[in-house]
Amino acid sequence: MKTWMIALAALLPLAAHAAPAPPPDDAYAAWRCGDGSLMADAQADDPDFLGDLDLVGTDTAPAALRAGDDDFLYLRIRLDADPAPGGVPNPGGVWGVAFDLDGDSTDYELLIVADATPASPVVTVRTNRTVTVPNSPLDPADAPPAATYTFRDAASARATSTTFGGTPDYFLDLAIPWADLEPLGLTPTSSVRVWVASSSLPDALDGDFACHAAGSGAVVLDTSASRRGDGGGPRLEGGGGCRATGGAGLLAGLVAIALAARRRSRRSS
């Protein structure tokens, strides 16, 4: 069974990367749900995952987005409350993105999570080479993590302009070096599906999933997986998962976004 370099055989010490500033909001592109709409999720749809564990969003204010530059993959999740007041993540919270890299929608190959369950919160990247819970996001990823960063170095939170439920919403931003992702099979041109959710687990997703109504039953990977898109840039489609479209594959358009940003910077200098 199994795409910003690392050895996979042993647990690595916390990686030392300067904390990057998230890109401007207009550099982010939203993931898409199965009907082609931008990834969304109703406020308070899962009574077991509320507040900072509640993903929220609409087609005008998407629940999950991504961006990239030469060095980092940036992941963004919109939440109903602040996951890290004063920069300190709330104990017990987990937020993540699972990636299907091989085109088999019954499993995932990579899991990136912000994990506030340990005393010193971290962001981890885990592979998933052995399926033990078929066709489920509950299938635990591999131990030890392939890469680990301090929360401070790889994650940040800030208020957004939206107020679902009448209270301020927050972005949780993650920044992972391409140098650590590429040896694991995730590159700026990979073709992927993703599942975005909160969780109570550090090595799997079991919480509030974007593009999934909690009352409709458990998330099943292949029935919520994406369809192949029709090309033409960074348009992503899928259900609980989302697929990059066309030959450019995963995060298609990220290179163009980065180049455009550099051109804007040169013009303004």
C-alpha atoms as a PDB file:
ATOM      1  CA  MET A   1       0.000   0.000   0.000  1.00  0.00           C
ATOM      2  CA  LYS A   2       1.193   2.047   0.023  1.00  0.00           C
ATOM      3  CA  THR A   3       3.416  14.300  -1.770  1.00  0.00           C
ATOM      4  CA  TRP A   4       8.956  22.446   2.441  1.00  0.00           C
ATOM      5  CA  MET A   5      13.696  16.197   4.648  1.00  0.00           C
ATOM      6  CA  ILE A   6      13.570  13.756   7.424  1.00  0.00           C
ATOM      7  CA  ALA A   7      14.348  10.136   8.451  1.00  0.00           C
ATOM      8  CA  LEU A   8      11.270   8.048   9.110  1.00  0.00           C
ATOM      9  CA  ALA A   9      12.759   5.237  11.153  1.00  0.00           C
ATOM     10  CA  ALA A  10      12.841   6.942  14.530  1.00  0.00           C
ATOM     11  CA  LEU A  11      11.074   9.677  16.448  1.00  0.00           C
ATOM     12  CA  LEU A  12      12.605  12.982  15.567  1.00  0.00           C
ATOM     13  CA  PRO A  13      13.246  15.796  18.021  1.00  0.00           C
ATOM     14  CA  LEU A  14      11.131  18.896  17.632  1.00  0.00           C
ATOM     15  CA  ALA A  15      11.998  20.424  14.303  1.00  0.00           C
ATOM     16  CA  ALA A  16      13.519  23.884  14.420  1.00  0.00           C
ATOM     17  CA  HIS A  17      11.869  26.140  11.845  1.00  0.00           C
ATOM     18  CA  ALA A  18      11.316  29.855  12.122  1.00  0.00           C
ATOM     19  CA  ALA A  19       7.618  30.516  12.546  1.00  0.00           C
ATOM     20  CA  PRO A  20       6.410  31.891   9.206  1.00  0.00           C
ATOM     21  CA  ALA A  21       3.768  34.579   8.979  1.00  0.00           C
ATOM     22  CA  PRO A  22       0.622  33.262   7.261  1.00  0.00           C
ATOM     23  CA  PRO A  23       0.142  34.574   3.720  1.00  0.00           C
ATOM     24  CA  PRO A  24      -2.411  37.330   3.089  1.00  0.00           C
ATOM     25  CA  ASP A  25      -6.011  36.173   3.024  1.00  0.00           C
ATOM     26  CA  ASP A  26      -6.303  36.549  -0.747  1.00  0.00           C
ATOM     27  CA  ALA A  27      -3.482  34.024  -1.230  1.00  0.00           C
ATOM     28  CA  TYR A  28      -5.652  31.228   0.184  1.00  0.00           C
ATOM     29  CA  ALA A  29      -7.863  28.997  -1.938  1.00  0.00           C
ATOM     30  CA  ALA A  30     -10.724  27.030  -0.426  1.00  0.00           C
ATOM     31  CA  TRP A  31     -11.171  23.284  -0.569  1.00  0.00           C
ATOM     32  CA  ARG A  32     -14.466  22.175  -2.143  1.00  0.00           C
ATOM     33  CA  CYS A  33     -17.253  19.832  -1.104  1.00  0.00           C
ATOM     34  CA  GLY A  34     -18.747  17.099  -3.260  1.00  0.00           C
ATOM     35  CA  ASP A  35     -21.257  19.362  -4.986  1.00  0.00           C
ATOM     36  CA  GLY A  36     -18.481  21.711  -6.040  1.00  0.00           C
ATOM     37  CA  SER A  37     -19.341  24.383  -3.482  1.00  0.00           C
ATOM     38  CA  LEU A  38     -16.640  25.813  -1.275  1.00  0.00           C
ATOM     39  CA  MET A  39     -16.027  23.715   1.830  1.00  0.00           C
ATOM     40  CA  ALA A  40     -18.612  24.618   4.462  1.00  0.00           C
ATOM     41  CA  ASP A  41     -19.978  23.341   7.759  1.00  0.00           C
ATOM     42  CA  ALA A  42     -22.920  24.311   9.938  1.00  0.00           C
ATOM     43  CA  GLN A  43     -22.317  25.918  13.320  1.00  0.00           C
ATOM     44  CA  ALA A  44     -22.958  23.563  16.287  1.00  0.00           C
ATOM     45  CA  ASP A  45     -23.911  20.607  14.069  1.00  0.00           C
ATOM     46  CA  ASP A  46     -22.042  18.155  16.325  1.00  0.00           C
ATOM     47  CA  PRO A  47     -22.964  18.536  20.022  1.00  0.00           C
ATOM     48  CA  ASP A  48     -19.804  16.662  21.064  1.00  0.00           C
ATOM     49  CA  PHE A  49     -17.494  19.139  19.303  1.00  0.00           C
ATOM     50  CA  LEU A  50     -18.465  22.717  20.061  1.00  0.00           C
ATOM     51  CA  GLY A  51     -16.591  25.986  20.530  1.00  0.00           C
ATOM     52  CA  ASP A  52     -13.026  25.760  19.298  1.00  0.00           C
ATOM     53  CA  LEU A  53     -13.662  22.186  18.062  1.00  0.00           C
ATOM     54  CA  ASP A  54     -16.588  23.297  15.889  1.00  0.00           C
ATOM     55  CA  LEU A  55     -15.685  23.883  12.242  1.00  0.00           C
ATOM     56  CA  VAL A  56     -17.827  26.598  10.651  1.00  0.00           C
ATOM     57  CA  GLY A  57     -18.149  28.054   7.208  1.00  0.00           C
ATOM     58  CA  THR A  58     -20.261  28.811   4.157  1.00  0.00           C
ATOM     59  CA  ASP A  59     -19.630  29.204   0.450  1.00  0.00           C
ATOM     60  CA  THR A  60     -18.783  32.867   1.074  1.00  0.00           C
ATOM     61  CA  ALA A  61     -16.625  32.186   4.148  1.00  0.00           C
ATOM     62  CA  PRO A  62     -15.154  28.694   3.659  1.00  0.00           C
ATOM     63  CA  ALA A  63     -14.387  26.390   6.562  1.00  0.00           C
ATOM     64  CA  ALA A  64     -11.024  25.196   5.233  1.00  0.00           C
ATOM     65  CA  LEU A  65      -8.441  26.653   2.886  1.00  0.00           C
ATOM     66  CA  ARG A  66      -4.849  26.233   1.799  1.00  0.00           C
ATOM     67  CA  ALA A  67      -1.981  28.254   0.352  1.00  0.00           C
ATOM     68  CA  GLY A  68       1.690  27.782  -0.341  1.00  0.00           C
ATOM     69  CA  ASP A  69       4.980  29.408  -1.191  1.00  0.00           C
ATOM     70  CA  ASP A  70       8.446  28.117  -2.019  1.00  0.00           C
ATOM     71  CA  ASP A  71       9.016  26.849   1.515  1.00  0.00           C
ATOM     72  CA  PHE A  72       5.726  26.085   3.258  1.00  0.00           C
ATOM     73  CA  LEU A  73       2.330  24.504   2.851  1.00  0.00           C
ATOM     74  CA  TYR A  74      -0.227  26.591   4.764  1.00  0.00           C
ATOM     75  CA  LEU A  75      -3.456  25.036   6.059  1.00  0.00           C
ATOM     76  CA  ARG A  76      -6.294  27.132   7.472  1.00  0.00           C
ATOM     77  CA  ILE A  77      -9.373  25.986   9.447  1.00  0.00           C
ATOM     78  CA  ARG A  78     -12.238  28.278  10.496  1.00  0.00           C
ATOM     79  CA  LEU A  79     -13.466  27.565  14.056  1.00  0.00           C
ATOM     80  CA  ASP A  80     -16.369  28.817  16.154  1.00  0.00           C
ATOM     81  CA  ALA A  81     -14.100  29.933  19.044  1.00  0.00           C
ATOM     82  CA  ASP A  82     -10.464  30.780  19.741  1.00  0.00           C
ATOM     83  CA  PRO A  83      -8.366  27.573  19.822  1.00  0.00           C
ATOM     84  CA  ALA A  84      -5.381  29.348  21.384  1.00  0.00           C
ATOM     85  CA  PRO A  85      -6.259  32.359  23.559  1.00  0.00           C
ATOM     86  CA  GLY A  86      -3.151  34.467  24.064  1.00  0.00           C
ATOM     87  CA  GLY A  87      -1.224  32.020  21.912  1.00  0.00           C
ATOM     88  CA  VAL A  88      -1.776  29.139  24.359  1.00  0.00           C
ATOM     89  CA  PRO A  89      -3.840  26.314  22.801  1.00  0.00           C
ATOM     90  CA  ASN A  90      -6.822  25.055  24.755  1.00  0.00           C
ATOM     91  CA  PRO A  91      -5.978  21.741  26.457  1.00  0.00           C
ATOM     92  CA  GLY A  92      -7.258  18.640  24.711  1.00  0.00           C
ATOM     93  CA  GLY A  93      -7.970  20.167  21.328  1.00  0.00           C
ATOM     94  CA  VAL A  94      -6.882  18.491  18.103  1.00  0.00           C
ATOM     95  CA  TRP A  95      -7.436  19.884  14.603  1.00  0.00           C
ATOM     96  CA  GLY A  96      -6.203  18.310  11.414  1.00  0.00           C
ATOM     97  CA  VAL A  97      -6.199  17.410   7.755  1.00  0.00           C
ATOM     98  CA  ALA A  98      -5.924  13.868   6.398  1.00  0.00           C
ATOM     99  CA  PHE A  99      -4.600  13.386   2.861  1.00  0.00           C
ATOM    100  CA  ASP A 100      -5.266  10.647   0.336  1.00  0.00           C
ATOM    101  CA  LEU A 101      -2.155  10.529  -1.827  1.00  0.00           C
ATOM    102  CA  ASP A 102      -2.557   7.299  -3.795  1.00  0.00           C
ATOM    103  CA  GLY A 103      -6.019   7.637  -5.321  1.00  0.00           C
ATOM    104  CA  ASP A 104      -7.544   4.945  -3.084  1.00  0.00           C
ATOM    105  CA  SER A 105     -10.366   6.748  -1.327  1.00  0.00           C
ATOM    106  CA  THR A 106     -10.834   4.025   1.305  1.00  0.00           C
ATOM    107  CA  ASP A 107      -7.741   5.133   3.209  1.00  0.00           C
ATOM    108  CA  TYR A 108      -5.442   8.091   3.775  1.00  0.00           C
ATOM    109  CA  GLU A 109      -1.635   8.254   3.656  1.00  0.00           C
ATOM    110  CA  LEU A 110      -0.763  11.413   5.604  1.00  0.00           C
ATOM    111  CA  LEU A 111      -2.192  13.214   8.630  1.00  0.00           C
ATOM    112  CA  ILE A 112      -1.240  16.724   9.765  1.00  0.00           C
ATOM    113  CA  VAL A 113      -2.630  17.799  13.134  1.00  0.00           C
ATOM    114  CA  ALA A 114      -2.284  20.539  15.697  1.00  0.00           C
ATOM    115  CA  ASP A 115      -2.326  18.581  18.954  1.00  0.00           C
ATOM    116  CA  ALA A 116      -3.018  20.285  22.284  1.00  0.00           C
ATOM    117  CA  THR A 117      -3.405  17.028  24.212  1.00  0.00           C
ATOM    118  CA  PRO A 118       0.194  16.864  25.535  1.00  0.00           C
ATOM    119  CA  ALA A 119       1.486  19.262  28.180  1.00  0.00           C
ATOM    120  CA  SER A 120       3.591  20.923  25.484  1.00  0.00           C
ATOM    121  CA  PRO A 121       1.284  21.253  22.448  1.00  0.00           C
ATOM    122  CA  VAL A 122       2.712  20.252  19.100  1.00  0.00           C
ATOM    123  CA  VAL A 123       1.994  20.039  15.402  1.00  0.00           C
ATOM    124  CA  THR A 124       2.710  16.614  13.957  1.00  0.00           C
ATOM    125  CA  VAL A 125       2.964  14.992  10.550  1.00  0.00           C
ATOM    126  CA  ARG A 126       2.182  11.287  10.485  1.00  0.00           C
ATOM    127  CA  THR A 127       2.174   8.671   7.760  1.00  0.00           C
ATOM    128  CA  ASN A 128      -0.453   5.939   7.579  1.00  0.00           C
ATOM    129  CA  ARG A 129       1.037   2.869   5.934  1.00  0.00           C
ATOM    130  CA  THR A 130      -1.051   0.143   7.563  1.00  0.00           C
ATOM    131  CA  VAL A 131      -4.843   0.150   7.583  1.00  0.00           C
ATOM    132  CA  THR A 132      -6.338  -1.217  10.815  1.00  0.00           C
ATOM    133  CA  VAL A 133      -9.788   0.427  10.634  1.00  0.00           C
ATOM    134  CA  PRO A 134     -10.891   0.094   6.989  1.00  0.00           C
ATOM    135  CA  ASN A 135     -12.562   2.970   5.189  1.00  0.00           C
ATOM    136  CA  SER A 136     -12.631   5.193   8.255  1.00  0.00           C
ATOM    137  CA  PRO A 137     -10.965   8.400   9.456  1.00  0.00           C
ATOM    138  CA  LEU A 138     -10.655   6.585  12.804  1.00  0.00           C
ATOM    139  CA  ASP A 139      -7.865   4.467  11.303  1.00  0.00           C
ATOM    140  CA  PRO A 140      -4.879   5.486  13.471  1.00  0.00           C
ATOM    141  CA  ALA A 141      -1.856   6.992  11.762  1.00  0.00           C
ATOM    142  CA  ASP A 142       1.616   5.588  12.304  1.00  0.00           C
ATOM    143  CA  ALA A 143       3.695   6.095  15.422  1.00  0.00           C
ATOM    144  CA  PRO A 144       6.018   7.797  15.949  1.00  0.00           C
ATOM    145  CA  PRO A 145       5.277  10.974  13.962  1.00  0.00           C
ATOM    146  CA  ALA A 146       7.432  11.550  10.905  1.00  0.00           C
ATOM    147  CA  ALA A 147       7.912  15.194  11.952  1.00  0.00           C
ATOM    148  CA  THR A 148       7.041  17.190  15.055  1.00  0.00           C
ATOM    149  CA  TYR A 149       7.079  20.953  15.667  1.00  0.00           C
ATOM    150  CA  THR A 150       6.228  23.074  18.665  1.00  0.00           C
ATOM    151  CA  PHE A 151       2.779  24.625  18.401  1.00  0.00           C
ATOM    152  CA  ARG A 152       4.375  28.069  18.583  1.00  0.00           C
ATOM    153  CA  ASP A 153       6.601  27.350  15.571  1.00  0.00           C
ATOM    154  CA  ALA A 154       3.977  25.814  13.296  1.00  0.00           C
ATOM    155  CA  ALA A 155       0.545  27.106  14.369  1.00  0.00           C
ATOM    156  CA  SER A 156      -1.220  30.353  15.130  1.00  0.00           C
ATOM    157  CA  ALA A 157      -4.775  31.597  15.674  1.00  0.00           C
ATOM    158  CA  ARG A 158      -6.494  34.907  14.985  1.00  0.00           C
ATOM    159  CA  ALA A 159     -10.018  36.292  14.894  1.00  0.00           C
ATOM    160  CA  THR A 160     -11.819  36.416  11.559  1.00  0.00           C
ATOM    161  CA  SER A 161     -14.508  38.756  10.279  1.00  0.00           C
ATOM    162  CA  THR A 162     -17.244  36.116  10.623  1.00  0.00           C
ATOM    163  CA  THR A 163     -19.484  35.565  13.650  1.00  0.00           C
ATOM    164  CA  PHE A 164     -21.380  32.316  13.186  1.00  0.00           C
ATOM    165  CA  GLY A 165     -23.631  31.755  16.186  1.00  0.00           C
ATOM    166  CA  GLY A 166     -23.237  35.424  17.165  1.00  0.00           C
ATOM    167  CA  THR A 167     -19.669  35.130  18.492  1.00  0.00           C
ATOM    168  CA  PRO A 168     -16.310  35.795  16.787  1.00  0.00           C
ATOM    169  CA  ASP A 169     -14.856  32.969  14.716  1.00  0.00           C
ATOM    170  CA  TYR A 170     -11.148  32.198  14.509  1.00  0.00           C
ATOM    171  CA  PHE A 171      -8.685  30.889  11.968  1.00  0.00           C
ATOM    172  CA  LEU A 172      -6.286  28.163  13.038  1.00  0.00           C
ATOM    173  CA  ASP A 173      -3.297  28.392  10.687  1.00  0.00           C
ATOM    174  CA  LEU A 174      -0.686  25.664  10.239  1.00  0.00           C
ATOM    175  CA  ALA A 175       2.595  25.988   8.331  1.00  0.00           C
ATOM    176  CA  ILE A 176       4.514  22.837   7.372  1.00  0.00           C
ATOM    177  CA  PRO A 177       7.815  22.914   5.454  1.00  0.00           C
ATOM    178  CA  TRP A 178       7.680  21.332   2.014  1.00  0.00           C
ATOM    179  CA  ALA A 179      11.127  19.903   2.818  1.00  0.00           C
ATOM    180  CA  ASP A 180       9.476  17.648   5.417  1.00  0.00           C
ATOM    181  CA  LEU A 181       6.427  16.787   3.305  1.00  0.00           C
ATOM    182  CA  GLU A 182       8.034  15.958  -0.029  1.00  0.00           C
ATOM    183  CA  PRO A 183       9.882  12.817   1.192  1.00  0.00           C
ATOM    184  CA  LEU A 184       6.502  11.560   2.422  1.00  0.00           C
ATOM    185  CA  GLY A 185       4.873  11.963  -0.985  1.00  0.00           C
ATOM    186  CA  LEU A 186       3.169  15.345  -0.633  1.00  0.00           C
ATOM    187  CA  THR A 187       4.451  17.992  -3.051  1.00  0.00           C
ATOM    188  CA  PRO A 188       2.997  21.196  -4.532  1.00  0.00           C
ATOM    189  CA  THR A 189       1.931  19.204  -7.622  1.00  0.00           C
ATOM    190  CA  SER A 190       0.539  16.050  -5.982  1.00  0.00           C
ATOM    191  CA  SER A 191      -3.056  15.024  -6.625  1.00  0.00           C
ATOM    192  CA  VAL A 192      -4.879  14.517  -3.330  1.00  0.00           C
ATOM    193  CA  ARG A 193      -8.116  14.217  -1.434  1.00  0.00           C
ATOM    194  CA  VAL A 194      -8.410  15.791   2.010  1.00  0.00           C
ATOM    195  CA  TRP A 195     -10.638  15.429   5.046  1.00  0.00           C
ATOM    196  CA  VAL A 196     -10.645  18.392   7.449  1.00  0.00           C
ATOM    197  CA  ALA A 197     -11.867  17.957  11.025  1.00  0.00           C
ATOM    198  CA  SER A 198     -11.374  18.495  14.718  1.00  0.00           C
ATOM    199  CA  SER A 199     -10.656  15.501  16.926  1.00  0.00           C
ATOM    200  CA  SER A 200     -10.197  14.107  20.406  1.00  0.00           C
ATOM    201  CA  LEU A 201      -7.342  11.897  19.152  1.00  0.00           C
ATOM    202  CA  PRO A 202      -3.752  12.836  18.293  1.00  0.00           C
ATOM    203  CA  ASP A 203      -3.428  10.215  15.529  1.00  0.00           C
ATOM    204  CA  ALA A 204      -6.864  10.116  13.841  1.00  0.00           C
ATOM    205  CA  LEU A 205      -9.875  12.315  13.127  1.00  0.00           C
ATOM    206  CA  ASP A 206     -13.134  11.754  15.029  1.00  0.00           C
ATOM    207  CA  GLY A 207     -14.641  15.216  15.494  1.00  0.00           C
ATOM    208  CA  ASP A 208     -16.548  17.799  13.470  1.00  0.00           C
ATOM    209  CA  PHE A 209     -15.871  17.273   9.759  1.00  0.00           C
ATOM    210  CA  ALA A 210     -16.255  20.003   7.183  1.00  0.00           C
ATOM    211  CA  CYS A 211     -18.814  19.119   4.503  1.00  0.00           C
ATOM    212  CA  HIS A 212     -20.450  16.558   6.793  1.00  0.00           C
ATOM    213  CA  ALA A 213     -23.570  16.933   8.920  1.00  0.00           C
ATOM    214  CA  ALA A 214     -23.019  15.076  12.171  1.00  0.00           C
ATOM    215  CA  GLY A 215     -26.625  13.830  12.249  1.00  0.00           C
ATOM    216  CA  SER A 216     -26.199  12.035   8.924  1.00  0.00           C
ATOM    217  CA  GLY A 217     -24.067   9.277  10.438  1.00  0.00           C
ATOM    218  CA  ALA A 218     -20.407   8.403  10.692  1.00  0.00           C
ATOM    219  CA  VAL A 219     -17.923   9.614   8.104  1.00  0.00           C
ATOM    220  CA  VAL A 220     -17.019   6.853   5.648  1.00  0.00           C
ATOM    221  CA  LEU A 221     -13.957   7.684   3.601  1.00  0.00           C
ATOM    222  CA  ASP A 222     -14.916   6.404   0.179  1.00  0.00           C
ATOM    223  CA  THR A 223     -18.482   7.683   0.221  1.00  0.00           C
ATOM    224  CA  SER A 224     -17.272  11.133   1.231  1.00  0.00           C
ATOM    225  CA  ALA A 225     -14.282  11.111  -1.089  1.00  0.00           C
ATOM    226  CA  SER A 226     -13.918  13.495  -3.964  1.00  0.00           C
ATOM    227  CA  ARG A 227     -14.385  13.073  -7.679  1.00  0.00           C
ATOM    228  CA  ARG A 228     -11.745  13.972 -10.203  1.00  0.00           C
ATOM    229  CA  GLY A 229     -12.059  17.547 -11.387  1.00  0.00           C
ATOM    230  CA  ASP A 230     -12.094  18.966 -14.882  1.00  0.00           C
ATOM    231  CA  GLY A 231      -8.832  20.889 -14.829  1.00  0.00           C
ATOM    232  CA  GLY A 232      -8.260  24.555 -15.225  1.00  0.00           C
ATOM    233  CA  GLY A 233      -6.393  25.636 -12.134  1.00  0.00           C
ATOM    234  CA  PRO A 234      -6.770  25.334  -8.361  1.00  0.00           C
ATOM    235  CA  ARG A 235     -10.448  24.281  -8.312  1.00  0.00           C
ATOM    236  CA  LEU A 236     -10.828  21.446  -5.792  1.00  0.00           C
ATOM    237  CA  GLU A 237     -13.762  19.102  -5.495  1.00  0.00           C
ATOM    238  CA  GLY A 238     -14.885  16.328  -3.167  1.00  0.00           C
ATOM    239  CA  GLY A 239     -17.141  15.307  -0.335  1.00  0.00           C
ATOM    240  CA  GLY A 240     -15.693  14.884   3.136  1.00  0.00           C
ATOM    241  CA  GLY A 241     -12.560  14.726   1.021  1.00  0.00           C
ATOM    242  CA  CYS A 242     -11.509  17.095  -1.721  1.00  0.00           C
ATOM    243  CA  ARG A 243      -9.499  16.442  -4.840  1.00  0.00           C
ATOM    244  CA  ALA A 244      -7.179  18.729  -6.731  1.00  0.00           C
ATOM    245  CA  THR A 245      -8.166  18.970 -10.341  1.00  0.00           C
ATOM    246  CA  GLY A 246      -6.420  18.436 -13.609  1.00  0.00           C
ATOM    247  CA  GLY A 247      -2.878  17.398 -14.438  1.00  0.00           C
ATOM    248  CA  ALA A 248      -1.351  19.920 -12.070  1.00  0.00           C
ATOM    249  CA  GLY A 249      -2.723  17.908  -9.135  1.00  0.00           C
ATOM    250  CA  LEU A 250      -2.536  18.833  -5.460  1.00  0.00           C
ATOM    251  CA  LEU A 251      -2.672  22.469  -4.621  1.00  0.00           C
ATOM    252  CA  ALA A 252      -2.700  23.257  -8.282  1.00  0.00           C
ATOM    253  CA  GLY A 253      -2.234  26.946  -8.569  1.00  0.00           C
ATOM    254  CA  LEU A 254      -0.060  27.322  -5.461  1.00  0.00           C
ATOM    255  CA  VAL A 255       3.014  27.914  -7.576  1.00  0.00           C
ATOM    256  CA  ALA A 256       1.077  30.516  -9.564  1.00  0.00           C
ATOM    257  CA  ILE A 257      -0.102  32.143  -6.337  1.00  0.00           C
ATOM    258  CA  ALA A 258       3.471  32.339  -5.023  1.00  0.00           C
ATOM    259  CA  LEU A 259       4.767  33.765  -8.304  1.00  0.00           C
ATOM    260  CA  ALA A 260       1.974  36.327  -8.392  1.00  0.00           C
ATOM    261  CA  ALA A 261       2.777  37.375  -4.829  1.00  0.00           C
ATOM    262  CA  ARG A 262       6.437  37.822  -5.721  1.00  0.00           C
ATOM    263  CA  ARG A 263       5.488  39.897  -8.768  1.00  0.00           C
ATOM    264  CA  ARG A 264       3.230  42.111  -6.621  1.00  0.00           C
ATOM    265  CA  SER A 265       6.080  42.524  -4.150  1.00  0.00           C
ATOM    266  CA  ARG A 266       8.522  43.557  -6.872  1.00  0.00           C
ATOM    267  CA  ARG A 267       6.047  46.076  -8.325  1.00  0.00           C
ATOM    268  CA  SER A 268       5.486  47.651  -4.920  1.00  0.00           C
ATOM    269  CA  SER A 269       9.192  47.906  -4.113  1.00  0.00           C
END
